[in-house]
Amino acid sequence: QVKLVVSGGGLVKPGGSLRLSCVASGTIFRFDAMGWYRQAPGKQRELVAAITGGGSRNYADSVKGRFTISRDNAKNTVYLQMNSLKPEDTAVYYCNARSGTMSSWGQGTQITVSS
């Protein structure tokens, strides 16, 4: 049972940057992976970026070179640095943590990229 608290959403102009933070608390033994998902209007939720316990990273093709996922294990926190934002990045973003068969979700935060 893990609680994930997300911060950092908001409105930004195209080409701008934002950083999301996700802090995990509760009963935590280890995370196999933590990551970020997003859901745009009319679309299914998709994986944006993930980082495994071994440090490997995975990004959606649409964000490669623009987004960077990182973690602070001591603080049980994962970050998503989003640069060169595009209108198509507009979505509700969610934090996810996986440990064994358990998958936990944080609250959604709205990212809007608009002129």
PDB file of N, CA and C in Angstrom:
ATOM      1  N   GLN A   1       0.832  -1.183   0.000  1.00  0.00           N
ATOM      2  CA  GLN A   1       0.000   0.000   0.000  1.00  0.00           C
ATOM      3  C   GLN A   1       0.878   1.249   0.000  1.00  0.00           C
ATOM      4  N   VAL A   2       0.887   1.947  -1.122  1.00  0.00           N
ATOM      5  CA  VAL A   2       1.751   3.101  -1.319  1.00  0.00           C
ATOM      6  C   VAL A   2       0.912   4.298  -1.752  1.00  0.00           C
ATOM      7  N   LYS A   3       1.239   5.446  -1.200  1.00  0.00           N
ATOM      8  CA  LYS A   3       0.611   6.691  -1.605  1.00  0.00           C
ATOM      9  C   LYS A   3       1.592   7.492  -2.445  1.00  0.00           C
ATOM     10  N   LEU A   4       1.134   7.959  -3.584  1.00  0.00           N
ATOM     11  CA  LEU A   4       1.948   8.763  -4.483  1.00  0.00           C
ATOM     12  C   LEU A   4       1.345  10.154  -4.581  1.00  0.00           C
ATOM     13  N   VAL A   5       2.163  11.163  -4.315  1.00  0.00           N
ATOM     14  CA  VAL A   5       1.716  12.544  -4.355  1.00  0.00           C
ATOM     15  C   VAL A   5       2.474  13.276  -5.445  1.00  0.00           C
ATOM     16  N   VAL A   6       1.732  13.856  -6.368  1.00  0.00           N
ATOM     17  CA  VAL A   6       2.300  14.496  -7.543  1.00  0.00           C
ATOM     18  C   VAL A   6       2.185  16.006  -7.416  1.00  0.00           C
ATOM     19  N   SER A   7       3.203  16.701  -7.883  1.00  0.00           N
ATOM     20  CA  SER A   7       3.170  18.151  -7.940  1.00  0.00           C
ATOM     21  C   SER A   7       3.879  18.615  -9.203  1.00  0.00           C
ATOM     22  N   GLY A   8       3.560  19.830  -9.635  1.00  0.00           N
ATOM     23  CA  GLY A   8       4.280  20.442 -10.743  1.00  0.00           C
ATOM     24  C   GLY A   8       3.510  20.666 -12.027  1.00  0.00           C
ATOM     25  N   GLY A   9       2.239  20.349 -12.056  1.00  0.00           N
ATOM     26  CA  GLY A   9       1.460  20.572 -13.258  1.00  0.00           C
ATOM     27  C   GLY A   9       1.150  22.038 -13.479  1.00  0.00           C
ATOM     28  N   GLY A  10       0.609  22.326 -14.660  1.00  0.00           N
ATOM     29  CA  GLY A  10       0.229  23.696 -14.941  1.00  0.00           C
ATOM     30  C   GLY A  10       0.129  24.001 -16.415  1.00  0.00           C
ATOM     31  N   LEU A  11       0.054  25.285 -16.709  1.00  0.00           N
ATOM     32  CA  LEU A  11      -0.057  25.803 -18.065  1.00  0.00           C
ATOM     33  C   LEU A  11       1.288  26.342 -18.517  1.00  0.00           C
ATOM     34  N   VAL A  12       1.678  26.002 -19.731  1.00  0.00           N
ATOM     35  CA  VAL A  12       2.953  26.448 -20.270  1.00  0.00           C
ATOM     36  C   VAL A  12       2.813  26.704 -21.762  1.00  0.00           C
ATOM     37  N   LYS A  13       3.603  27.631 -22.276  1.00  0.00           N
ATOM     38  CA  LYS A  13       3.595  27.923 -23.700  1.00  0.00           C
ATOM     39  C   LYS A  13       4.424  26.903 -24.468  1.00  0.00           C
ATOM     40  N   PRO A  14       4.116  26.692 -25.740  1.00  0.00           N
ATOM     41  CA  PRO A  14       4.955  25.793 -26.546  1.00  0.00           C
ATOM     42  C   PRO A  14       6.426  26.190 -26.477  1.00  0.00           C
ATOM     43  N   GLY A  15       7.277  25.188 -26.339  1.00  0.00           N
ATOM     44  CA  GLY A  15       8.700  25.418 -26.188  1.00  0.00           C
ATOM     45  C   GLY A  15       9.154  25.592 -24.758  1.00  0.00           C
ATOM     46  N   GLY A  16       8.215  25.708 -23.844  1.00  0.00           N
ATOM     47  CA  GLY A  16       8.549  25.892 -22.450  1.00  0.00           C
ATOM     48  C   GLY A  16       8.877  24.594 -21.745  1.00  0.00           C
ATOM     49  N   SER A  17       9.121  24.703 -20.446  1.00  0.00           N
ATOM     50  CA  SER A  17       9.529  23.558 -19.639  1.00  0.00           C
ATOM     51  C   SER A  17       8.732  23.479 -18.352  1.00  0.00           C
ATOM     52  N   LEU A  18       8.565  22.271 -17.875  1.00  0.00           N
ATOM     53  CA  LEU A  18       7.954  22.001 -16.583  1.00  0.00           C
ATOM     54  C   LEU A  18       8.640  20.795 -15.967  1.00  0.00           C
ATOM     55  N   ARG A  19       8.567  20.698 -14.650  1.00  0.00           N
ATOM     56  CA  ARG A  19       9.077  19.526 -13.962  1.00  0.00           C
ATOM     57  C   ARG A  19       8.017  18.981 -13.024  1.00  0.00           C
ATOM     58  N   LEU A  20       7.754  17.700 -13.145  1.00  0.00           N
ATOM     59  CA  LEU A  20       6.837  17.008 -12.262  1.00  0.00           C
ATOM     60  C   LEU A  20       7.612  16.232 -11.209  1.00  0.00           C
ATOM     61  N   SER A  21       7.054  16.175 -10.013  1.00  0.00           N
ATOM     62  CA  SER A  21       7.629  15.393  -8.936  1.00  0.00           C
ATOM     63  C   SER A  21       6.591  14.414  -8.419  1.00  0.00           C
ATOM     64  N   CYS A  22       7.044  13.246  -8.031  1.00  0.00           N
ATOM     65  CA  CYS A  22       6.177  12.223  -7.470  1.00  0.00           C
ATOM     66  C   CYS A  22       6.856  11.638  -6.246  1.00  0.00           C
ATOM     67  N   VAL A  23       6.244  11.833  -5.101  1.00  0.00           N
ATOM     68  CA  VAL A  23       6.800  11.365  -3.839  1.00  0.00           C
ATOM     69  C   VAL A  23       5.988  10.173  -3.347  1.00  0.00           C
ATOM     70  N   ALA A  24       6.668   9.088  -3.073  1.00  0.00           N
ATOM     71  CA  ALA A  24       6.027   7.875  -2.593  1.00  0.00           C
ATOM     72  C   ALA A  24       6.167   7.765  -1.080  1.00  0.00           C
ATOM     73  N   SER A  25       5.097   7.357  -0.429  1.00  0.00           N
ATOM     74  CA  SER A  25       5.117   7.153   1.010  1.00  0.00           C
ATOM     75  C   SER A  25       4.249   5.955   1.366  1.00  0.00           C
ATOM     76  N   GLY A  26       4.396   5.479   2.595  1.00  0.00           N
ATOM     77  CA  GLY A  26       3.647   4.327   3.040  1.00  0.00           C
ATOM     78  C   GLY A  26       4.550   3.136   3.260  1.00  0.00           C
ATOM     79  N   THR A  27       3.983   1.959   3.099  1.00  0.00           N
ATOM     80  CA  THR A  27       4.734   0.729   3.274  1.00  0.00           C
ATOM     81  C   THR A  27       5.461   0.410   1.983  1.00  0.00           C
ATOM     82  N   ILE A  28       6.764   0.631   2.003  1.00  0.00           N
ATOM     83  CA  ILE A  28       7.587   0.452   0.813  1.00  0.00           C
ATOM     84  C   ILE A  28       8.765  -0.446   1.140  1.00  0.00           C
ATOM     85  N   PHE A  29       8.904  -1.509   0.388  1.00  0.00           N
ATOM     86  CA  PHE A  29      10.068  -2.376   0.499  1.00  0.00           C
ATOM     87  C   PHE A  29      11.064  -2.063  -0.609  1.00  0.00           C
ATOM     88  N   ARG A  30      10.593  -2.091  -1.812  1.00  0.00           N
ATOM     89  CA  ARG A  30      11.385  -1.715  -2.964  1.00  0.00           C
ATOM     90  C   ARG A  30      10.462  -1.492  -4.155  1.00  0.00           C
ATOM     91  N   PHE A  31      10.895  -0.654  -5.061  1.00  0.00           N
ATOM     92  CA  PHE A  31      10.161  -0.439  -6.303  1.00  0.00           C
ATOM     93  C   PHE A  31      10.897  -1.106  -7.448  1.00  0.00           C
ATOM     94  N   ASP A  32      10.174  -1.904  -8.197  1.00  0.00           N
ATOM     95  CA  ASP A  32      10.747  -2.473  -9.411  1.00  0.00           C
ATOM     96  C   ASP A  32      10.864  -1.414 -10.493  1.00  0.00           C
ATOM     97  N   ALA A  33       9.914  -0.494 -10.504  1.00  0.00           N
ATOM     98  CA  ALA A  33       9.929   0.580 -11.479  1.00  0.00           C
ATOM     99  C   ALA A  33       9.011   1.703 -11.023  1.00  0.00           C
ATOM    100  N   MET A  34       9.338   2.907 -11.440  1.00  0.00           N
ATOM    101  CA  MET A  34       8.459   4.046 -11.295  1.00  0.00           C
ATOM    102  C   MET A  34       8.391   4.746 -12.638  1.00  0.00           C
ATOM    103  N   GLY A  35       7.257   5.360 -12.895  1.00  0.00           N
ATOM    104  CA  GLY A  35       7.126   5.990 -14.193  1.00  0.00           C
ATOM    105  C   GLY A  35       6.005   6.994 -14.262  1.00  0.00           C
ATOM    106  N   TRP A  36       5.909   7.585 -15.439  1.00  0.00           N
ATOM    107  CA  TRP A  36       4.905   8.595 -15.723  1.00  0.00           C
ATOM    108  C   TRP A  36       4.048   8.165 -16.899  1.00  0.00           C
ATOM    109  N   TYR A  37       2.761   8.332 -16.748  1.00  0.00           N
ATOM    110  CA  TYR A  37       1.797   8.080 -17.795  1.00  0.00           C
ATOM    111  C   TYR A  37       1.028   9.360 -18.069  1.00  0.00           C
ATOM    112  N   ARG A  38       0.373   9.406 -19.210  1.00  0.00           N
ATOM    113  CA  ARG A  38      -0.484  10.541 -19.505  1.00  0.00           C
ATOM    114  C   ARG A  38      -1.698  10.080 -20.301  1.00  0.00           C
ATOM    115  N   GLN A  39      -2.753  10.857 -20.195  1.00  0.00           N
ATOM    116  CA  GLN A  39      -3.969  10.581 -20.928  1.00  0.00           C
ATOM    117  C   GLN A  39      -4.495  11.884 -21.507  1.00  0.00           C
ATOM    118  N   ALA A  40      -4.489  11.962 -22.814  1.00  0.00           N
ATOM    119  CA  ALA A  40      -4.997  13.123 -23.520  1.00  0.00           C
ATOM    120  C   ALA A  40      -6.477  12.930 -23.810  1.00  0.00           C
ATOM    121  N   PRO A  41      -7.195  14.026 -24.056  1.00  0.00           N
ATOM    122  CA  PRO A  41      -8.624  13.906 -24.355  1.00  0.00           C
ATOM    123  C   PRO A  41      -8.891  12.966 -25.518  1.00  0.00           C
ATOM    124  N   GLY A  42      -9.802  12.030 -25.324  1.00  0.00           N
ATOM    125  CA  GLY A  42     -10.169  11.099 -26.363  1.00  0.00           C
ATOM    126  C   GLY A  42      -9.182   9.982 -26.607  1.00  0.00           C
ATOM    127  N   LYS A  43      -8.128   9.893 -25.811  1.00  0.00           N
ATOM    128  CA  LYS A  43      -7.114   8.875 -26.003  1.00  0.00           C
ATOM    129  C   LYS A  43      -6.958   8.018 -24.753  1.00  0.00           C
ATOM    130  N   GLN A  44      -6.371   6.848 -24.933  1.00  0.00           N
ATOM    131  CA  GLN A  44      -6.083   5.975 -23.813  1.00  0.00           C
ATOM    132  C   GLN A  44      -4.824   6.428 -23.083  1.00  0.00           C
ATOM    133  N   ARG A  45      -4.713   6.006 -21.838  1.00  0.00           N
ATOM    134  CA  ARG A  45      -3.527   6.316 -21.068  1.00  0.00           C
ATOM    135  C   ARG A  45      -2.312   5.622 -21.679  1.00  0.00           C
ATOM    136  N   GLU A  46      -1.208   6.352 -21.764  1.00  0.00           N
ATOM    137  CA  GLU A  46       0.000   5.814 -22.361  1.00  0.00           C
ATOM    138  C   GLU A  46       1.198   6.061 -21.460  1.00  0.00           C
ATOM    139  N   LEU A  47       2.167   5.183 -21.576  1.00  0.00           N
ATOM    140  CA  LEU A  47       3.421   5.351 -20.846  1.00  0.00           C
ATOM    141  C   LEU A  47       4.240   6.456 -21.484  1.00  0.00           C
ATOM    142  N   VAL A  48       4.713   7.379 -20.660  1.00  0.00           N
ATOM    143  CA  VAL A  48       5.567   8.468 -21.110  1.00  0.00           C
ATOM    144  C   VAL A  48       7.030   8.143 -20.851  1.00  0.00           C
ATOM    145  N   ALA A  49       7.339   7.761 -19.626  1.00  0.00           N
ATOM    146  CA  ALA A  49       8.706   7.451 -19.238  1.00  0.00           C
ATOM    147  C   ALA A  49       8.688   6.575 -18.007  1.00  0.00           C
ATOM    148  N   ALA A  50       9.683   5.712 -17.892  1.00  0.00           N
ATOM    149  CA  ALA A  50       9.801   4.838 -16.737  1.00  0.00           C
ATOM    150  C   ALA A  50      11.265   4.612 -16.412  1.00  0.00           C
ATOM    151  N   ILE A  51      11.522   4.333 -15.151  1.00  0.00           N
ATOM    152  CA  ILE A  51      12.870   4.006 -14.709  1.00  0.00           C
ATOM    153  C   ILE A  51      12.776   2.800 -13.791  1.00  0.00           C
ATOM    154  N   THR A  52      13.615   1.804 -14.023  1.00  0.00           N
ATOM    155  CA  THR A  52      13.580   0.570 -13.255  1.00  0.00           C
ATOM    156  C   THR A  52      14.497   0.670 -12.049  1.00  0.00           C
ATOM    157  N   GLY A  53      14.392  -0.328 -11.177  1.00  0.00           N
ATOM    158  CA  GLY A  53      15.273  -0.379 -10.033  1.00  0.00           C
ATOM    159  C   GLY A  53      16.729  -0.474 -10.411  1.00  0.00           C
ATOM    160  N   GLY A  54      17.012  -1.047 -11.568  1.00  0.00           N
ATOM    161  CA  GLY A  54      18.370  -1.146 -12.061  1.00  0.00           C
ATOM    162  C   GLY A  54      18.871   0.097 -12.751  1.00  0.00           C
ATOM    163  N   GLY A  55      18.009   1.094 -12.911  1.00  0.00           N
ATOM    164  CA  GLY A  55      18.420   2.366 -13.487  1.00  0.00           C
ATOM    165  C   GLY A  55      18.190   2.513 -14.974  1.00  0.00           C
ATOM    166  N   SER A  56      17.644   1.498 -15.616  1.00  0.00           N
ATOM    167  CA  SER A  56      17.358   1.626 -17.036  1.00  0.00           C
ATOM    168  C   SER A  56      16.136   2.505 -17.247  1.00  0.00           C
ATOM    169  N   ARG A  57      16.118   3.213 -18.356  1.00  0.00           N
ATOM    170  CA  ARG A  57      15.056   4.158 -18.650  1.00  0.00           C
ATOM    171  C   ARG A  57      14.388   3.826 -19.968  1.00  0.00           C
ATOM    172  N   ASN A  58      13.118   4.138 -20.028  1.00  0.00           N
ATOM    173  CA  ASN A  58      12.337   3.914 -21.230  1.00  0.00           C
ATOM    174  C   ASN A  58      11.457   5.128 -21.472  1.00  0.00           C
ATOM    175  N   TYR A  59      11.404   5.576 -22.733  1.00  0.00           N
ATOM    176  CA  TYR A  59      10.623   6.745 -23.096  1.00  0.00           C
ATOM    177  C   TYR A  59       9.732   6.439 -24.280  1.00  0.00           C
ATOM    178  N   ALA A  60       8.581   7.074 -24.284  1.00  0.00           N
ATOM    179  CA  ALA A  60       7.766   7.048 -25.483  1.00  0.00           C
ATOM    180  C   ALA A  60       8.503   7.764 -26.606  1.00  0.00           C
ATOM    181  N   ASP A  61       8.329   7.274 -27.825  1.00  0.00           N
ATOM    182  CA  ASP A  61       9.016   7.883 -28.958  1.00  0.00           C
ATOM    183  C   ASP A  61       8.710   9.375 -29.079  1.00  0.00           C
ATOM    184  N   SER A  62       7.506   9.760 -28.726  1.00  0.00           N
ATOM    185  CA  SER A  62       7.086  11.138 -28.892  1.00  0.00           C
ATOM    186  C   SER A  62       7.791  12.115 -27.958  1.00  0.00           C
ATOM    187  N   VAL A  63       8.432  11.614 -26.900  1.00  0.00           N
ATOM    188  CA  VAL A  63       9.075  12.498 -25.932  1.00  0.00           C
ATOM    189  C   VAL A  63      10.578  12.313 -25.860  1.00  0.00           C
ATOM    190  N   LYS A  64      11.128  11.365 -26.597  1.00  0.00           N
ATOM    191  CA  LYS A  64      12.567  11.136 -26.563  1.00  0.00           C
ATOM    192  C   LYS A  64      13.327  12.394 -26.962  1.00  0.00           C
ATOM    193  N   GLY A  65      14.351  12.706 -26.188  1.00  0.00           N
ATOM    194  CA  GLY A  65      15.147  13.890 -26.439  1.00  0.00           C
ATOM    195  C   GLY A  65      14.594  15.146 -25.818  1.00  0.00           C
ATOM    196  N   ARG A  66      13.359  15.096 -25.322  1.00  0.00           N
ATOM    197  CA  ARG A  66      12.737  16.262 -24.711  1.00  0.00           C
ATOM    198  C   ARG A  66      12.453  16.060 -23.224  1.00  0.00           C
ATOM    199  N   PHE A  67      12.075  14.847 -22.846  1.00  0.00           N
ATOM    200  CA  PHE A  67      11.744  14.542 -21.458  1.00  0.00           C
ATOM    201  C   PHE A  67      12.856  13.707 -20.835  1.00  0.00           C
ATOM    202  N   THR A  68      13.068  13.899 -19.543  1.00  0.00           N
ATOM    203  CA  THR A  68      14.047  13.125 -18.800  1.00  0.00           C
ATOM    204  C   THR A  68      13.445  12.670 -17.480  1.00  0.00           C
ATOM    205  N   ILE A  69      13.493  11.369 -17.234  1.00  0.00           N
ATOM    206  CA  ILE A  69      13.034  10.836 -15.964  1.00  0.00           C
ATOM    207  C   ILE A  69      14.240  10.595 -15.066  1.00  0.00           C
ATOM    208  N   SER A  70      14.099  10.914 -13.797  1.00  0.00           N
ATOM    209  CA  SER A  70      15.165  10.698 -12.832  1.00  0.00           C
ATOM    210  C   SER A  70      14.555  10.326 -11.488  1.00  0.00           C
ATOM    211  N   ARG A  71      15.390   9.882 -10.580  1.00  0.00           N
ATOM    212  CA  ARG A  71      14.887   9.464  -9.278  1.00  0.00           C
ATOM    213  C   ARG A  71      15.861   9.827  -8.172  1.00  0.00           C
ATOM    214  N   ASP A  72      15.318   9.943  -6.982  1.00  0.00           N
ATOM    215  CA  ASP A  72      16.090  10.114  -5.767  1.00  0.00           C
ATOM    216  C   ASP A  72      15.623   9.009  -4.834  1.00  0.00           C
ATOM    217  N   ASN A  73      16.381   7.936  -4.772  1.00  0.00           N
ATOM    218  CA  ASN A  73      15.963   6.777  -3.996  1.00  0.00           C
ATOM    219  C   ASN A  73      15.822   7.084  -2.507  1.00  0.00           C
ATOM    220  N   ALA A  74      16.698   7.929  -1.986  1.00  0.00           N
ATOM    221  CA  ALA A  74      16.650   8.264  -0.572  1.00  0.00           C
ATOM    222  C   ALA A  74      15.353   8.969  -0.209  1.00  0.00           C
ATOM    223  N   LYS A  75      14.801   9.717  -1.149  1.00  0.00           N
ATOM    224  CA  LYS A  75      13.567  10.455  -0.913  1.00  0.00           C
ATOM    225  C   LYS A  75      12.342   9.774  -1.510  1.00  0.00           C
ATOM    226  N   ASN A  76      12.547   8.599  -2.092  1.00  0.00           N
ATOM    227  CA  ASN A  76      11.454   7.879  -2.746  1.00  0.00           C
ATOM    228  C   ASN A  76      10.699   8.777  -3.714  1.00  0.00           C
ATOM    229  N   THR A  77      11.453   9.490  -4.511  1.00  0.00           N
ATOM    230  CA  THR A  77      10.887  10.484  -5.402  1.00  0.00           C
ATOM    231  C   THR A  77      11.357  10.251  -6.831  1.00  0.00           C
ATOM    232  N   VAL A  78      10.448  10.409  -7.758  1.00  0.00           N
ATOM    233  CA  VAL A  78      10.777  10.360  -9.169  1.00  0.00           C
ATOM    234  C   VAL A  78      10.368  11.685  -9.800  1.00  0.00           C
ATOM    235  N   TYR A  79      11.154  12.139 -10.765  1.00  0.00           N
ATOM    236  CA  TYR A  79      10.924  13.409 -11.424  1.00  0.00           C
ATOM    237  C   TYR A  79      10.752  13.201 -12.919  1.00  0.00           C
ATOM    238  N   LEU A  80      10.049  14.111 -13.522  1.00  0.00           N
ATOM    239  CA  LEU A  80       9.961  14.158 -14.971  1.00  0.00           C
ATOM    240  C   LEU A  80      10.234  15.586 -15.413  1.00  0.00           C
ATOM    241  N   GLN A  81      11.396  15.795 -16.013  1.00  0.00           N
ATOM    242  CA  GLN A  81      11.743  17.090 -16.574  1.00  0.00           C
ATOM    243  C   GLN A  81      11.252  17.128 -18.010  1.00  0.00           C
ATOM    244  N   MET A  82      10.408  18.084 -18.314  1.00  0.00           N
ATOM    245  CA  MET A  82       9.798  18.194 -19.631  1.00  0.00           C
ATOM    246  C   MET A  82      10.263  19.486 -20.286  1.00  0.00           C
ATOM    247  N   ASN A  83      11.004  19.356 -21.363  1.00  0.00           N
ATOM    248  CA  ASN A  83      11.507  20.495 -22.112  1.00  0.00           C
ATOM    249  C   ASN A  83      10.907  20.509 -23.507  1.00  0.00           C
ATOM    250  N   SER A  84      11.010  21.662 -24.151  1.00  0.00           N
ATOM    251  CA  SER A  84      10.508  21.816 -25.521  1.00  0.00           C
ATOM    252  C   SER A  84       9.092  21.289 -25.659  1.00  0.00           C
ATOM    253  N   LEU A  85       8.248  21.695 -24.756  1.00  0.00           N
ATOM    254  CA  LEU A  85       6.887  21.174 -24.729  1.00  0.00           C
ATOM    255  C   LEU A  85       6.102  21.579 -25.964  1.00  0.00           C
ATOM    256  N   LYS A  86       5.250  20.670 -26.390  1.00  0.00           N
ATOM    257  CA  LYS A  86       4.427  20.847 -27.573  1.00  0.00           C
ATOM    258  C   LYS A  86       2.954  20.770 -27.193  1.00  0.00           C
ATOM    259  N   PRO A  87       2.080  21.367 -27.995  1.00  0.00           N
ATOM    260  CA  PRO A  87       0.647  21.262 -27.694  1.00  0.00           C
ATOM    261  C   PRO A  87       0.169  19.820 -27.557  1.00  0.00           C
ATOM    262  N   GLU A  88       0.759  18.904 -28.311  1.00  0.00           N
ATOM    263  CA  GLU A  88       0.351  17.513 -28.223  1.00  0.00           C
ATOM    264  C   GLU A  88       0.766  16.839 -26.921  1.00  0.00           C
ATOM    265  N   ASP A  89       1.567  17.521 -26.106  1.00  0.00           N
ATOM    266  CA  ASP A  89       1.885  17.016 -24.779  1.00  0.00           C
ATOM    267  C   ASP A  89       0.769  17.289 -23.778  1.00  0.00           C
ATOM    268  N   THR A  90      -0.206  18.074 -24.177  1.00  0.00           N
ATOM    269  CA  THR A  90      -1.319  18.390 -23.293  1.00  0.00           C
ATOM    270  C   THR A  90      -2.050  17.119 -22.880  1.00  0.00           C
ATOM    271  N   ALA A  91      -2.157  16.907 -21.579  1.00  0.00           N
ATOM    272  CA  ALA A  91      -2.771  15.690 -21.059  1.00  0.00           C
ATOM    273  C   ALA A  91      -2.809  15.771 -19.542  1.00  0.00           C
ATOM    274  N   VAL A  92      -3.514  14.828 -18.957  1.00  0.00           N
ATOM    275  CA  VAL A  92      -3.424  14.600 -17.527  1.00  0.00           C
ATOM    276  C   VAL A  92      -2.305  13.598 -17.298  1.00  0.00           C
ATOM    277  N   TYR A  93      -1.363  13.949 -16.451  1.00  0.00           N
ATOM    278  CA  TYR A  93      -0.206  13.110 -16.190  1.00  0.00           C
ATOM    279  C   TYR A  93      -0.354  12.397 -14.855  1.00  0.00           C
ATOM    280  N   TYR A  94       0.061  11.136 -14.829  1.00  0.00           N
ATOM    281  CA  TYR A  94      -0.061  10.295 -13.648  1.00  0.00           C
ATOM    282  C   TYR A  94       1.280   9.672 -13.302  1.00  0.00           C
ATOM    283  N   CYS A  95       1.539   9.551 -12.018  1.00  0.00           N
ATOM    284  CA  CYS A  95       2.706   8.848 -11.521  1.00  0.00           C
ATOM    285  C   CYS A  95       2.321   7.422 -11.172  1.00  0.00           C
ATOM    286  N   ASN A  96       3.215   6.491 -11.464  1.00  0.00           N
ATOM    287  CA  ASN A  96       2.980   5.089 -11.178  1.00  0.00           C
ATOM    288  C   ASN A  96       4.198   4.473 -10.518  1.00  0.00           C
ATOM    289  N   ALA A  97       3.944   3.587  -9.576  1.00  0.00           N
ATOM    290  CA  ALA A  97       5.012   2.830  -8.932  1.00  0.00           C
ATOM    291  C   ALA A  97       4.629   1.365  -8.912  1.00  0.00           C
ATOM    292  N   ARG A  98       5.560   0.524  -9.301  1.00  0.00           N
ATOM    293  CA  ARG A  98       5.318  -0.914  -9.331  1.00  0.00           C
ATOM    294  C   ARG A  98       6.295  -1.626  -8.415  1.00  0.00           C
ATOM    295  N   SER A  99       5.753  -2.504  -7.588  1.00  0.00           N
ATOM    296  CA  SER A  99       6.560  -3.307  -6.688  1.00  0.00           C
ATOM    297  C   SER A  99       5.965  -4.707  -6.666  1.00  0.00           C
ATOM    298  N   GLY A 100       6.689  -5.650  -7.238  1.00  0.00           N
ATOM    299  CA  GLY A 100       6.153  -6.992  -7.380  1.00  0.00           C
ATOM    300  C   GLY A 100       4.912  -6.969  -8.242  1.00  0.00           C
ATOM    301  N   THR A 101       3.822  -7.481  -7.709  1.00  0.00           N
ATOM    302  CA  THR A 101       2.554  -7.475  -8.425  1.00  0.00           C
ATOM    303  C   THR A 101       1.703  -6.261  -8.095  1.00  0.00           C
ATOM    304  N   MET A 102       2.175  -5.402  -7.221  1.00  0.00           N
ATOM    305  CA  MET A 102       1.426  -4.227  -6.796  1.00  0.00           C
ATOM    306  C   MET A 102       1.762  -3.030  -7.674  1.00  0.00           C
ATOM    307  N   SER A 103       0.724  -2.364  -8.131  1.00  0.00           N
ATOM    308  CA  SER A 103       0.877  -1.154  -8.916  1.00  0.00           C
ATOM    309  C   SER A 103       0.071  -0.046  -8.267  1.00  0.00           C
ATOM    310  N   SER A 104       0.723   1.079  -7.991  1.00  0.00           N
ATOM    311  CA  SER A 104       0.092   2.205  -7.320  1.00  0.00           C
ATOM    312  C   SER A 104       0.083   3.414  -8.236  1.00  0.00           C
ATOM    313  N   TRP A 105      -0.957   4.223  -8.104  1.00  0.00           N
ATOM    314  CA  TRP A 105      -1.125   5.413  -8.929  1.00  0.00           C
ATOM    315  C   TRP A 105      -1.296   6.657  -8.074  1.00  0.00           C
ATOM    316  N   GLY A 106      -0.689   7.737  -8.523  1.00  0.00           N
ATOM    317  CA  GLY A 106      -0.903   9.023  -7.899  1.00  0.00           C
ATOM    318  C   GLY A 106      -2.088   9.735  -8.521  1.00  0.00           C
ATOM    319  N   GLN A 107      -2.380  10.913  -7.999  1.00  0.00           N
ATOM    320  CA  GLN A 107      -3.451  11.705  -8.574  1.00  0.00           C
ATOM    321  C   GLN A 107      -3.001  12.296  -9.903  1.00  0.00           C
ATOM    322  N   GLY A 108      -3.946  12.562 -10.754  1.00  0.00           N
ATOM    323  CA  GLY A 108      -3.620  13.172 -12.028  1.00  0.00           C
ATOM    324  C   GLY A 108      -3.336  14.655 -11.883  1.00  0.00           C
ATOM    325  N   THR A 109      -2.429  15.152 -12.710  1.00  0.00           N
ATOM    326  CA  THR A 109      -2.146  16.578 -12.759  1.00  0.00           C
ATOM    327  C   THR A 109      -2.215  17.043 -14.210  1.00  0.00           C
ATOM    328  N   GLN A 110      -2.889  18.150 -14.427  1.00  0.00           N
ATOM    329  CA  GLN A 110      -3.110  18.639 -15.778  1.00  0.00           C
ATOM    330  C   GLN A 110      -1.900  19.404 -16.288  1.00  0.00           C
ATOM    331  N   ILE A 111      -1.437  19.020 -17.461  1.00  0.00           N
ATOM    332  CA  ILE A 111      -0.419  19.772 -18.200  1.00  0.00           C
ATOM    333  C   ILE A 111      -1.080  20.302 -19.470  1.00  0.00           C
ATOM    334  N   THR A 112      -1.081  21.603 -19.619  1.00  0.00           N
ATOM    335  CA  THR A 112      -1.652  22.228 -20.805  1.00  0.00           C
ATOM    336  C   THR A 112      -0.576  23.047 -21.493  1.00  0.00           C
ATOM    337  N   VAL A 113      -0.330  22.747 -22.757  1.00  0.00           N
ATOM    338  CA  VAL A 113       0.657  23.463 -23.563  1.00  0.00           C
ATOM    339  C   VAL A 113      -0.105  24.219 -24.639  1.00  0.00           C
ATOM    340  N   SER A 114      -0.122  25.525 -24.527  1.00  0.00           N
ATOM    341  CA  SER A 114      -0.939  26.332 -25.422  1.00  0.00           C
ATOM    342  C   SER A 114      -0.367  27.733 -25.546  1.00  0.00           C
ATOM    343  N   SER A 115      -0.510  28.311 -26.743  1.00  0.00           N
ATOM    344  CA  SER A 115      -0.061  29.672 -26.968  1.00  0.00           C
ATOM    345  C   SER A 115      -1.017  30.680 -26.355  1.00  0.00           C
TER     346      SER A 115
END
